[in-house]
Amino acid sequence: MNRDANVLVAGAHGMLGSAIVRKLTAGGYQRILAPPRREVDFTHAATVDRYMANARPGAVFVAAAKVGGILANSAYPADFLHHNLAIELNIIGAAHKHGVNKLLFLG
């Protein structure tokens, strides 16, 4: 991965995403994009497309997800699945459209 490229960590403020940001920082990556949910709602395709067009990341880590624990997942399994599939579909689609070289999806 090119250390000079923008690197998007979707979900950078969660447990897994923040660990990725720490590793990238320790590895010398300085152009880490870590937008909070209020800035980029990954469930909205047009928003994600616009963000990718402007940010032009060379690499993307997909760690964004709606999480809620065992009880919430048991009570609303379709809601969590629908929400998370929308996030994944939008990020992966926009990354492909805008020529991202590397993408890692953490399911």
PDB file of N, CA and C in Angstrom:
ATOM      1  N   MET A   1       0.843  -1.168   0.000  1.00  0.00           N
ATOM      2  CA  MET A   1       0.000   0.000   0.000  1.00  0.00           C
ATOM      3  C   MET A   1       0.894   1.239   0.000  1.00  0.00           C
ATOM      4  N   ASN A   2       0.558   2.196  -0.802  1.00  0.00           N
ATOM      5  CA  ASN A   2       1.333   3.422  -0.922  1.00  0.00           C
ATOM      6  C   ASN A   2       1.142   4.312   0.309  1.00  0.00           C
ATOM      7  N   ARG A   3       2.234   4.611   1.006  1.00  0.00           N
ATOM      8  CA  ARG A   3       2.150   5.428   2.220  1.00  0.00           C
ATOM      9  C   ARG A   3       1.777   6.880   1.941  1.00  0.00           C
ATOM     10  N   ASP A   4       1.880   7.298   0.689  1.00  0.00           N
ATOM     11  CA  ASP A   4       1.538   8.680   0.329  1.00  0.00           C
ATOM     12  C   ASP A   4       0.081   8.835  -0.112  1.00  0.00           C
ATOM     13  N   ALA A   5      -0.623   7.736  -0.268  1.00  0.00           N
ATOM     14  CA  ALA A   5      -2.020   7.786  -0.723  1.00  0.00           C
ATOM     15  C   ALA A   5      -2.956   8.054   0.451  1.00  0.00           C
ATOM     16  N   ASN A   6      -4.119   8.605   0.136  1.00  0.00           N
ATOM     17  CA  ASN A   6      -5.175   8.707   1.139  1.00  0.00           C
ATOM     18  C   ASN A   6      -5.667   7.303   1.451  1.00  0.00           C
ATOM     19  N   VAL A   7      -5.855   7.025   2.734  1.00  0.00           N
ATOM     20  CA  VAL A   7      -6.355   5.728   3.165  1.00  0.00           C
ATOM     21  C   VAL A   7      -7.633   5.963   3.964  1.00  0.00           C
ATOM     22  N   LEU A   8      -8.742   5.462   3.457  1.00  0.00           N
ATOM     23  CA  LEU A   8     -10.025   5.605   4.136  1.00  0.00           C
ATOM     24  C   LEU A   8     -10.249   4.427   5.065  1.00  0.00           C
ATOM     25  N   VAL A   9     -10.546   4.728   6.319  1.00  0.00           N
ATOM     26  CA  VAL A   9     -10.957   3.696   7.271  1.00  0.00           C
ATOM     27  C   VAL A   9     -12.417   3.996   7.608  1.00  0.00           C
ATOM     28  N   ALA A  10     -13.332   3.284   6.965  1.00  0.00           N
ATOM     29  CA  ALA A  10     -14.761   3.435   7.243  1.00  0.00           C
ATOM     30  C   ALA A  10     -15.050   2.708   8.549  1.00  0.00           C
ATOM     31  N   GLY A  11     -15.574   3.422   9.506  1.00  0.00           N
ATOM     32  CA  GLY A  11     -15.785   2.847  10.833  1.00  0.00           C
ATOM     33  C   GLY A  11     -14.595   3.077  11.740  1.00  0.00           C
ATOM     34  N   ALA A  12     -13.835   4.122  11.470  1.00  0.00           N
ATOM     35  CA  ALA A  12     -12.584   4.392  12.183  1.00  0.00           C
ATOM     36  C   ALA A  12     -12.766   4.691  13.662  1.00  0.00           C
ATOM     37  N   HIS A  13     -13.985   4.993  14.077  1.00  0.00           N
ATOM     38  CA  HIS A  13     -14.198   5.350  15.477  1.00  0.00           C
ATOM     39  C   HIS A  13     -14.755   4.194  16.299  1.00  0.00           C
ATOM     40  N   GLY A  14     -14.894   3.038  15.671  1.00  0.00           N
ATOM     41  CA  GLY A  14     -15.326   1.841  16.389  1.00  0.00           C
ATOM     42  C   GLY A  14     -14.112   1.069  16.910  1.00  0.00           C
ATOM     43  N   MET A  15     -14.373  -0.057  17.547  1.00  0.00           N
ATOM     44  CA  MET A  15     -13.301  -0.859  18.138  1.00  0.00           C
ATOM     45  C   MET A  15     -12.297  -1.335  17.084  1.00  0.00           C
ATOM     46  N   LEU A  16     -12.779  -1.952  16.021  1.00  0.00           N
ATOM     47  CA  LEU A  16     -11.892  -2.486  14.989  1.00  0.00           C
ATOM     48  C   LEU A  16     -11.264  -1.371  14.161  1.00  0.00           C
ATOM     49  N   GLY A  17     -12.068  -0.402  13.746  1.00  0.00           N
ATOM     50  CA  GLY A  17     -11.558   0.693  12.936  1.00  0.00           C
ATOM     51  C   GLY A  17     -10.495   1.512  13.639  1.00  0.00           C
ATOM     52  N   SER A  18     -10.672   1.757  14.934  1.00  0.00           N
ATOM     53  CA  SER A  18      -9.672   2.535  15.666  1.00  0.00           C
ATOM     54  C   SER A  18      -8.358   1.763  15.793  1.00  0.00           C
ATOM     55  N   ALA A  19      -8.429   0.446  15.879  1.00  0.00           N
ATOM     56  CA  ALA A  19      -7.208  -0.371  15.901  1.00  0.00           C
ATOM     57  C   ALA A  19      -6.491  -0.283  14.552  1.00  0.00           C
ATOM     58  N   ILE A  20      -7.245  -0.270  13.468  1.00  0.00           N
ATOM     59  CA  ILE A  20      -6.648  -0.133  12.130  1.00  0.00           C
ATOM     60  C   ILE A  20      -5.957   1.221  12.007  1.00  0.00           C
ATOM     61  N   VAL A  21      -6.613   2.271  12.473  1.00  0.00           N
ATOM     62  CA  VAL A  21      -6.021   3.614  12.425  1.00  0.00           C
ATOM     63  C   VAL A  21      -4.716   3.643  13.216  1.00  0.00           C
ATOM     64  N   ARG A  22      -4.700   3.040  14.391  1.00  0.00           N
ATOM     65  CA  ARG A  22      -3.460   3.008  15.207  1.00  0.00           C
ATOM     66  C   ARG A  22      -2.340   2.274  14.468  1.00  0.00           C
ATOM     67  N   LYS A  23      -2.660   1.154  13.838  1.00  0.00           N
ATOM     68  CA  LYS A  23      -1.653   0.382  13.093  1.00  0.00           C
ATOM     69  C   LYS A  23      -1.126   1.170  11.896  1.00  0.00           C
ATOM     70  N   LEU A  24      -2.022   1.809  11.166  1.00  0.00           N
ATOM     71  CA  LEU A  24      -1.609   2.608  10.015  1.00  0.00           C
ATOM     72  C   LEU A  24      -0.712   3.763  10.456  1.00  0.00           C
ATOM     73  N   THR A  25      -1.097   4.427  11.516  1.00  0.00           N
ATOM     74  CA  THR A  25      -0.304   5.538  12.050  1.00  0.00           C
ATOM     75  C   THR A  25       1.080   5.051  12.463  1.00  0.00           C
ATOM     76  N   ALA A  26       1.124   3.929  13.159  1.00  0.00           N
ATOM     77  CA  ALA A  26       2.406   3.357  13.580  1.00  0.00           C
ATOM     78  C   ALA A  26       3.248   2.928  12.383  1.00  0.00           C
ATOM     79  N   GLY A  27       2.585   2.586  11.279  1.00  0.00           N
ATOM     80  CA  GLY A  27       3.289   2.162  10.075  1.00  0.00           C
ATOM     81  C   GLY A  27       3.725   3.308   9.177  1.00  0.00           C
ATOM     82  N   GLY A  28       3.486   4.530   9.622  1.00  0.00           N
ATOM     83  CA  GLY A  28       3.959   5.679   8.870  1.00  0.00           C
ATOM     84  C   GLY A  28       2.974   6.279   7.886  1.00  0.00           C
ATOM     85  N   TYR A  29       1.738   5.810   7.908  1.00  0.00           N
ATOM     86  CA  TYR A  29       0.718   6.390   7.027  1.00  0.00           C
ATOM     87  C   TYR A  29       0.230   7.688   7.661  1.00  0.00           C
ATOM     88  N   GLN A  30       0.249   8.762   6.890  1.00  0.00           N
ATOM     89  CA  GLN A  30      -0.111  10.066   7.441  1.00  0.00           C
ATOM     90  C   GLN A  30      -1.395  10.628   6.843  1.00  0.00           C
ATOM     91  N   ARG A  31      -1.876  10.061   5.772  1.00  0.00           N
ATOM     92  CA  ARG A  31      -3.067  10.580   5.105  1.00  0.00           C
ATOM     93  C   ARG A  31      -4.248   9.637   5.343  1.00  0.00           C
ATOM     94  N   ILE A  32      -4.575   9.473   6.610  1.00  0.00           N
ATOM     95  CA  ILE A  32      -5.650   8.572   7.012  1.00  0.00           C
ATOM     96  C   ILE A  32      -6.954   9.363   7.084  1.00  0.00           C
ATOM     97  N   LEU A  33      -7.941   8.891   6.358  1.00  0.00           N
ATOM     98  CA  LEU A  33      -9.259   9.511   6.351  1.00  0.00           C
ATOM     99  C   LEU A  33     -10.145   8.725   7.304  1.00  0.00           C
ATOM    100  N   ALA A  34     -10.667   9.400   8.316  1.00  0.00           N
ATOM    101  CA  ALA A  34     -11.467   8.733   9.339  1.00  0.00           C
ATOM    102  C   ALA A  34     -12.723   9.559   9.620  1.00  0.00           C
ATOM    103  N   PRO A  35     -13.612   9.676   8.630  1.00  0.00           N
ATOM    104  CA  PRO A  35     -14.776  10.543   8.825  1.00  0.00           C
ATOM    105  C   PRO A  35     -15.753   9.972   9.850  1.00  0.00           C
ATOM    106  N   PRO A  36     -16.237  10.817  10.754  1.00  0.00           N
ATOM    107  CA  PRO A  36     -17.257  10.345  11.702  1.00  0.00           C
ATOM    108  C   PRO A  36     -18.593  10.162  10.994  1.00  0.00           C
ATOM    109  N   ARG A  37     -19.478   9.415  11.611  1.00  0.00           N
ATOM    110  CA  ARG A  37     -20.780   9.095  11.036  1.00  0.00           C
ATOM    111  C   ARG A  37     -21.566  10.360  10.693  1.00  0.00           C
ATOM    112  N   ARG A  38     -21.452  11.409  11.511  1.00  0.00           N
ATOM    113  CA  ARG A  38     -22.203  12.643  11.246  1.00  0.00           C
ATOM    114  C   ARG A  38     -21.702  13.350   9.977  1.00  0.00           C
ATOM    115  N   GLU A  39     -20.459  13.047   9.560  1.00  0.00           N
ATOM    116  CA  GLU A  39     -19.892  13.645   8.351  1.00  0.00           C
ATOM    117  C   GLU A  39     -20.215  12.816   7.102  1.00  0.00           C
ATOM    118  N   VAL A  40     -20.121  11.497   7.218  1.00  0.00           N
ATOM    119  CA  VAL A  40     -20.403  10.602   6.088  1.00  0.00           C
ATOM    120  C   VAL A  40     -21.277   9.453   6.587  1.00  0.00           C
ATOM    121  N   ASP A  41     -22.512   9.427   6.109  1.00  0.00           N
ATOM    122  CA  ASP A  41     -23.416   8.322   6.431  1.00  0.00           C
ATOM    123  C   ASP A  41     -23.244   7.278   5.336  1.00  0.00           C
ATOM    124  N   PHE A  42     -22.546   6.206   5.661  1.00  0.00           N
ATOM    125  CA  PHE A  42     -22.223   5.184   4.669  1.00  0.00           C
ATOM    126  C   PHE A  42     -23.440   4.391   4.192  1.00  0.00           C
ATOM    127  N   THR A  43     -24.604   4.601   4.812  1.00  0.00           N
ATOM    128  CA  THR A  43     -25.811   3.926   4.334  1.00  0.00           C
ATOM    129  C   THR A  43     -26.458   4.669   3.169  1.00  0.00           C
ATOM    130  N   HIS A  44     -25.998   5.868   2.849  1.00  0.00           N
ATOM    131  CA  HIS A  44     -26.549   6.658   1.748  1.00  0.00           C
ATOM    132  C   HIS A  44     -25.589   6.664   0.563  1.00  0.00           C
ATOM    133  N   ALA A  45     -26.001   6.030  -0.504  1.00  0.00           N
ATOM    134  CA  ALA A  45     -25.135   5.828  -1.674  1.00  0.00           C
ATOM    135  C   ALA A  45     -24.610   7.138  -2.262  1.00  0.00           C
ATOM    136  N   ALA A  46     -25.456   8.128  -2.419  1.00  0.00           N
ATOM    137  CA  ALA A  46     -25.018   9.390  -3.030  1.00  0.00           C
ATOM    138  C   ALA A  46     -23.981  10.092  -2.165  1.00  0.00           C
ATOM    139  N   THR A  47     -24.152  10.017  -0.856  1.00  0.00           N
ATOM    140  CA  THR A  47     -23.195  10.621   0.069  1.00  0.00           C
ATOM    141  C   THR A  47     -21.842   9.929  -0.032  1.00  0.00           C
ATOM    142  N   VAL A  48     -21.858   8.610  -0.076  1.00  0.00           N
ATOM    143  CA  VAL A  48     -20.619   7.837  -0.176  1.00  0.00           C
ATOM    144  C   VAL A  48     -19.935   8.108  -1.510  1.00  0.00           C
ATOM    145  N   ASP A  49     -20.701   8.140  -2.571  1.00  0.00           N
ATOM    146  CA  ASP A  49     -20.144   8.411  -3.889  1.00  0.00           C
ATOM    147  C   ASP A  49     -19.477   9.790  -3.925  1.00  0.00           C
ATOM    148  N   ARG A  50     -20.150  10.781  -3.396  1.00  0.00           N
ATOM    149  CA  ARG A  50     -19.605  12.145  -3.354  1.00  0.00           C
ATOM    150  C   ARG A  50     -18.325  12.196  -2.510  1.00  0.00           C
ATOM    151  N   TYR A  51     -18.330  11.512  -1.371  1.00  0.00           N
ATOM    152  CA  TYR A  51     -17.157  11.492  -0.498  1.00  0.00           C
ATOM    153  C   TYR A  51     -15.960  10.853  -1.220  1.00  0.00           C
ATOM    154  N   MET A  52     -16.189   9.715  -1.854  1.00  0.00           N
ATOM    155  CA  MET A  52     -15.108   9.026  -2.574  1.00  0.00           C
ATOM    156  C   MET A  52     -14.572   9.877  -3.725  1.00  0.00           C
ATOM    157  N   ALA A  53     -15.468  10.556  -4.428  1.00  0.00           N
ATOM    158  CA  ALA A  53     -15.050  11.410  -5.546  1.00  0.00           C
ATOM    159  C   ALA A  53     -14.150  12.542  -5.068  1.00  0.00           C
ATOM    160  N   ASN A  54     -14.452  13.088  -3.899  1.00  0.00           N
ATOM    161  CA  ASN A  54     -13.659  14.197  -3.363  1.00  0.00           C
ATOM    162  C   ASN A  54     -12.388  13.736  -2.667  1.00  0.00           C
ATOM    163  N   ALA A  55     -12.479  12.662  -1.896  1.00  0.00           N
ATOM    164  CA  ALA A  55     -11.340  12.206  -1.087  1.00  0.00           C
ATOM    165  C   ALA A  55     -10.307  11.424  -1.888  1.00  0.00           C
ATOM    166  N   ARG A  56     -10.756  10.735  -2.926  1.00  0.00           N
ATOM    167  CA  ARG A  56      -9.870   9.934  -3.778  1.00  0.00           C
ATOM    168  C   ARG A  56      -8.925   9.025  -2.989  1.00  0.00           C
ATOM    169  N   PRO A  57      -9.471   8.134  -2.166  1.00  0.00           N
ATOM    170  CA  PRO A  57      -8.577   7.234  -1.430  1.00  0.00           C
ATOM    171  C   PRO A  57      -7.926   6.213  -2.359  1.00  0.00           C
ATOM    172  N   GLY A  58      -6.689   5.853  -2.041  1.00  0.00           N
ATOM    173  CA  GLY A  58      -5.998   4.806  -2.779  1.00  0.00           C
ATOM    174  C   GLY A  58      -6.259   3.440  -2.175  1.00  0.00           C
ATOM    175  N   ALA A  59      -6.683   3.451  -0.901  1.00  0.00           N
ATOM    176  CA  ALA A  59      -6.987   2.211  -0.192  1.00  0.00           C
ATOM    177  C   ALA A  59      -8.163   2.467   0.742  1.00  0.00           C
ATOM    178  N   VAL A  60      -8.968   1.424   0.946  1.00  0.00           N
ATOM    179  CA  VAL A  60     -10.141   1.524   1.815  1.00  0.00           C
ATOM    180  C   VAL A  60     -10.200   0.305   2.725  1.00  0.00           C
ATOM    181  N   PHE A  61     -10.429   0.555   4.001  1.00  0.00           N
ATOM    182  CA  PHE A  61     -10.714  -0.499   4.973  1.00  0.00           C
ATOM    183  C   PHE A  61     -12.182  -0.353   5.346  1.00  0.00           C
ATOM    184  N   VAL A  62     -12.975  -1.416   5.172  1.00  0.00           N
ATOM    185  CA  VAL A  62     -14.400  -1.376   5.503  1.00  0.00           C
ATOM    186  C   VAL A  62     -14.592  -2.054   6.856  1.00  0.00           C
ATOM    187  N   ALA A  63     -14.649  -1.223   7.903  1.00  0.00           N
ATOM    188  CA  ALA A  63     -14.884  -1.714   9.258  1.00  0.00           C
ATOM    189  C   ALA A  63     -16.155  -1.111   9.837  1.00  0.00           C
ATOM    190  N   ALA A  64     -16.891  -0.375   9.025  1.00  0.00           N
ATOM    191  CA  ALA A  64     -18.124   0.269   9.482  1.00  0.00           C
ATOM    192  C   ALA A  64     -19.242  -0.758   9.565  1.00  0.00           C
ATOM    193  N   ALA A  65     -20.032  -0.666  10.622  1.00  0.00           N
ATOM    194  CA  ALA A  65     -21.162  -1.570  10.789  1.00  0.00           C
ATOM    195  C   ALA A  65     -22.058  -1.072  11.907  1.00  0.00           C
ATOM    196  N   LYS A  66     -23.314  -1.463  11.815  1.00  0.00           N
ATOM    197  CA  LYS A  66     -24.240  -1.245  12.919  1.00  0.00           C
ATOM    198  C   LYS A  66     -24.093  -2.454  13.826  1.00  0.00           C
ATOM    199  N   VAL A  67     -23.810  -2.219  15.076  1.00  0.00           N
ATOM    200  CA  VAL A  67     -23.635  -3.302  16.038  1.00  0.00           C
ATOM    201  C   VAL A  67     -24.541  -3.049  17.237  1.00  0.00           C
ATOM    202  N   GLY A  68     -24.898  -4.115  17.937  1.00  0.00           N
ATOM    203  CA  GLY A  68     -25.807  -3.917  19.057  1.00  0.00           C
ATOM    204  C   GLY A  68     -25.752  -4.992  20.122  1.00  0.00           C
ATOM    205  N   GLY A  69     -24.914  -5.978  19.944  1.00  0.00           N
ATOM    206  CA  GLY A  69     -24.846  -7.035  20.940  1.00  0.00           C
ATOM    207  C   GLY A  69     -25.820  -8.166  20.644  1.00  0.00           C
ATOM    208  N   ILE A  70     -25.748  -9.187  21.438  1.00  0.00           N
ATOM    209  CA  ILE A  70     -26.519 -10.408  21.214  1.00  0.00           C
ATOM    210  C   ILE A  70     -28.022 -10.161  21.273  1.00  0.00           C
ATOM    211  N   LEU A  71     -28.493  -9.438  22.269  1.00  0.00           N
ATOM    212  CA  LEU A  71     -29.928  -9.216  22.420  1.00  0.00           C
ATOM    213  C   LEU A  71     -30.489  -8.406  21.252  1.00  0.00           C
ATOM    214  N   ALA A  72     -29.830  -7.320  20.903  1.00  0.00           N
ATOM    215  CA  ALA A  72     -30.303  -6.484  19.794  1.00  0.00           C
ATOM    216  C   ALA A  72     -30.266  -7.247  18.473  1.00  0.00           C
ATOM    217  N   ASN A  73     -29.191  -7.993  18.236  1.00  0.00           N
ATOM    218  CA  ASN A  73     -29.082  -8.769  17.000  1.00  0.00           C
ATOM    219  C   ASN A  73     -30.156  -9.854  16.933  1.00  0.00           C
ATOM    220  N   SER A  74     -30.498 -10.440  18.065  1.00  0.00           N
ATOM    221  CA  SER A  74     -31.547 -11.461  18.103  1.00  0.00           C
ATOM    222  C   SER A  74     -32.919 -10.850  17.880  1.00  0.00           C
ATOM    223  N   ALA A  75     -33.138  -9.664  18.425  1.00  0.00           N
ATOM    224  CA  ALA A  75     -34.444  -9.017  18.321  1.00  0.00           C
ATOM    225  C   ALA A  75     -34.690  -8.415  16.937  1.00  0.00           C
ATOM    226  N   TYR A  76     -33.635  -7.930  16.294  1.00  0.00           N
ATOM    227  CA  TYR A  76     -33.775  -7.228  15.015  1.00  0.00           C
ATOM    228  C   TYR A  76     -32.775  -7.728  13.967  1.00  0.00           C
ATOM    229  N   PRO A  77     -32.733  -9.022  13.695  1.00  0.00           N
ATOM    230  CA  PRO A  77     -31.698  -9.544  12.792  1.00  0.00           C
ATOM    231  C   PRO A  77     -31.772  -8.973  11.378  1.00  0.00           C
ATOM    232  N   ALA A  78     -32.956  -8.800  10.833  1.00  0.00           N
ATOM    233  CA  ALA A  78     -33.081  -8.289   9.466  1.00  0.00           C
ATOM    234  C   ALA A  78     -32.669  -6.815   9.396  1.00  0.00           C
ATOM    235  N   ASP A  79     -32.981  -6.048  10.427  1.00  0.00           N
ATOM    236  CA  ASP A  79     -32.604  -4.631  10.451  1.00  0.00           C
ATOM    237  C   ASP A  79     -31.087  -4.473  10.426  1.00  0.00           C
ATOM    238  N   PHE A  80     -30.397  -5.240  11.249  1.00  0.00           N
ATOM    239  CA  PHE A  80     -28.931  -5.155  11.286  1.00  0.00           C
ATOM    240  C   PHE A  80     -28.343  -5.603   9.950  1.00  0.00           C
ATOM    241  N   LEU A  81     -28.849  -6.680   9.397  1.00  0.00           N
ATOM    242  CA  LEU A  81     -28.351  -7.191   8.125  1.00  0.00           C
ATOM    243  C   LEU A  81     -28.579  -6.175   7.004  1.00  0.00           C
ATOM    244  N   HIS A  82     -29.758  -5.619   6.936  1.00  0.00           N
ATOM    245  CA  HIS A  82     -30.083  -4.630   5.901  1.00  0.00           C
ATOM    246  C   HIS A  82     -29.175  -3.409   6.020  1.00  0.00           C
ATOM    247  N   HIS A  83     -29.028  -2.886   7.208  1.00  0.00           N
ATOM    248  CA  HIS A  83     -28.193  -1.703   7.453  1.00  0.00           C
ATOM    249  C   HIS A  83     -26.742  -1.971   7.044  1.00  0.00           C
ATOM    250  N   ASN A  84     -26.210  -3.096   7.471  1.00  0.00           N
ATOM    251  CA  ASN A  84     -24.806  -3.410   7.201  1.00  0.00           C
ATOM    252  C   ASN A  84     -24.555  -3.734   5.732  1.00  0.00           C
ATOM    253  N   LEU A  85     -25.503  -4.385   5.083  1.00  0.00           N
ATOM    254  CA  LEU A  85     -25.349  -4.636   3.653  1.00  0.00           C
ATOM    255  C   LEU A  85     -25.370  -3.333   2.856  1.00  0.00           C
ATOM    256  N   ALA A  86     -26.184  -2.369   3.284  1.00  0.00           N
ATOM    257  CA  ALA A  86     -26.214  -1.065   2.612  1.00  0.00           C
ATOM    258  C   ALA A  86     -24.856  -0.381   2.732  1.00  0.00           C
ATOM    259  N   ILE A  87     -24.275  -0.409   3.918  1.00  0.00           N
ATOM    260  CA  ILE A  87     -22.949   0.184   4.125  1.00  0.00           C
ATOM    261  C   ILE A  87     -21.931  -0.464   3.189  1.00  0.00           C
ATOM    262  N   GLU A  88     -21.886  -1.771   3.196  1.00  0.00           N
ATOM    263  CA  GLU A  88     -20.902  -2.509   2.398  1.00  0.00           C
ATOM    264  C   GLU A  88     -21.101  -2.273   0.903  1.00  0.00           C
ATOM    265  N   LEU A  89     -22.338  -2.351   0.457  1.00  0.00           N
ATOM    266  CA  LEU A  89     -22.649  -2.148  -0.954  1.00  0.00           C
ATOM    267  C   LEU A  89     -22.227  -0.755  -1.414  1.00  0.00           C
ATOM    268  N   ASN A  90     -22.547   0.255  -0.634  1.00  0.00           N
ATOM    269  CA  ASN A  90     -22.227   1.631  -1.005  1.00  0.00           C
ATOM    270  C   ASN A  90     -20.719   1.895  -1.037  1.00  0.00           C
ATOM    271  N   ILE A  91     -20.016   1.420  -0.043  1.00  0.00           N
ATOM    272  CA  ILE A  91     -18.566   1.652   0.003  1.00  0.00           C
ATOM    273  C   ILE A  91     -17.859   0.889  -1.107  1.00  0.00           C
ATOM    274  N   ILE A  92     -18.170  -0.387  -1.253  1.00  0.00           N
ATOM    275  CA  ILE A  92     -17.498  -1.202  -2.268  1.00  0.00           C
ATOM    276  C   ILE A  92     -17.827  -0.677  -3.672  1.00  0.00           C
ATOM    277  N   GLY A  93     -19.075  -0.323  -3.908  1.00  0.00           N
ATOM    278  CA  GLY A  93     -19.461   0.205  -5.211  1.00  0.00           C
ATOM    279  C   GLY A  93     -18.765   1.513  -5.546  1.00  0.00           C
ATOM    280  N   ALA A  94     -18.727   2.432  -4.587  1.00  0.00           N
ATOM    281  CA  ALA A  94     -18.071   3.724  -4.816  1.00  0.00           C
ATOM    282  C   ALA A  94     -16.563   3.551  -4.961  1.00  0.00           C
ATOM    283  N   ALA A  95     -15.984   2.640  -4.196  1.00  0.00           N
ATOM    284  CA  ALA A  95     -14.543   2.392  -4.301  1.00  0.00           C
ATOM    285  C   ALA A  95     -14.201   1.889  -5.704  1.00  0.00           C
ATOM    286  N   HIS A  96     -14.999   0.986  -6.214  1.00  0.00           N
ATOM    287  CA  HIS A  96     -14.776   0.474  -7.577  1.00  0.00           C
ATOM    288  C   HIS A  96     -14.946   1.591  -8.608  1.00  0.00           C
ATOM    289  N   LYS A  97     -16.011   2.338  -8.475  1.00  0.00           N
ATOM    290  CA  LYS A  97     -16.305   3.420  -9.422  1.00  0.00           C
ATOM    291  C   LYS A  97     -15.192   4.460  -9.477  1.00  0.00           C
ATOM    292  N   HIS A  98     -14.572   4.741  -8.336  1.00  0.00           N
ATOM    293  CA  HIS A  98     -13.575   5.808  -8.257  1.00  0.00           C
ATOM    294  C   HIS A  98     -12.131   5.287  -8.272  1.00  0.00           C
ATOM    295  N   GLY A  99     -11.952   4.032  -8.665  1.00  0.00           N
ATOM    296  CA  GLY A  99     -10.621   3.500  -8.918  1.00  0.00           C
ATOM    297  C   GLY A  99      -9.739   3.254  -7.713  1.00  0.00           C
ATOM    298  N   VAL A 100     -10.349   2.875  -6.590  1.00  0.00           N
ATOM    299  CA  VAL A 100      -9.552   2.533  -5.413  1.00  0.00           C
ATOM    300  C   VAL A 100      -8.716   1.298  -5.725  1.00  0.00           C
ATOM    301  N   ASN A 101      -7.417   1.350  -5.406  1.00  0.00           N
ATOM    302  CA  ASN A 101      -6.505   0.256  -5.732  1.00  0.00           C
ATOM    303  C   ASN A 101      -6.603  -0.930  -4.782  1.00  0.00           C
ATOM    304  N   LYS A 102      -6.823  -0.671  -3.507  1.00  0.00           N
ATOM    305  CA  LYS A 102      -6.862  -1.732  -2.492  1.00  0.00           C
ATOM    306  C   LYS A 102      -8.099  -1.543  -1.630  1.00  0.00           C
ATOM    307  N   LEU A 103      -8.799  -2.651  -1.348  1.00  0.00           N
ATOM    308  CA  LEU A 103      -9.947  -2.614  -0.462  1.00  0.00           C
ATOM    309  C   LEU A 103      -9.926  -3.856   0.414  1.00  0.00           C
ATOM    310  N   LEU A 104     -10.087  -3.648   1.704  1.00  0.00           N
ATOM    311  CA  LEU A 104     -10.179  -4.763   2.637  1.00  0.00           C
ATOM    312  C   LEU A 104     -11.509  -4.662   3.342  1.00  0.00           C
ATOM    313  N   PHE A 105     -12.366  -5.676   3.152  1.00  0.00           N
ATOM    314  CA  PHE A 105     -13.677  -5.719   3.792  1.00  0.00           C
ATOM    315  C   PHE A 105     -13.582  -6.684   4.955  1.00  0.00           C
ATOM    316  N   LEU A 106     -13.892  -6.179   6.135  1.00  0.00           N
ATOM    317  CA  LEU A 106     -13.863  -6.995   7.351  1.00  0.00           C
ATOM    318  C   LEU A 106     -15.295  -7.317   7.728  1.00  0.00           C
ATOM    319  N   GLY A 107     -15.753  -8.517   7.358  1.00  0.00           N
ATOM    320  CA  GLY A 107     -17.154  -8.885   7.537  1.00  0.00           C
ATOM    321  C   GLY A 107     -17.544  -9.209   8.934  1.00  0.00           C
TER     322      GLY A 107
END
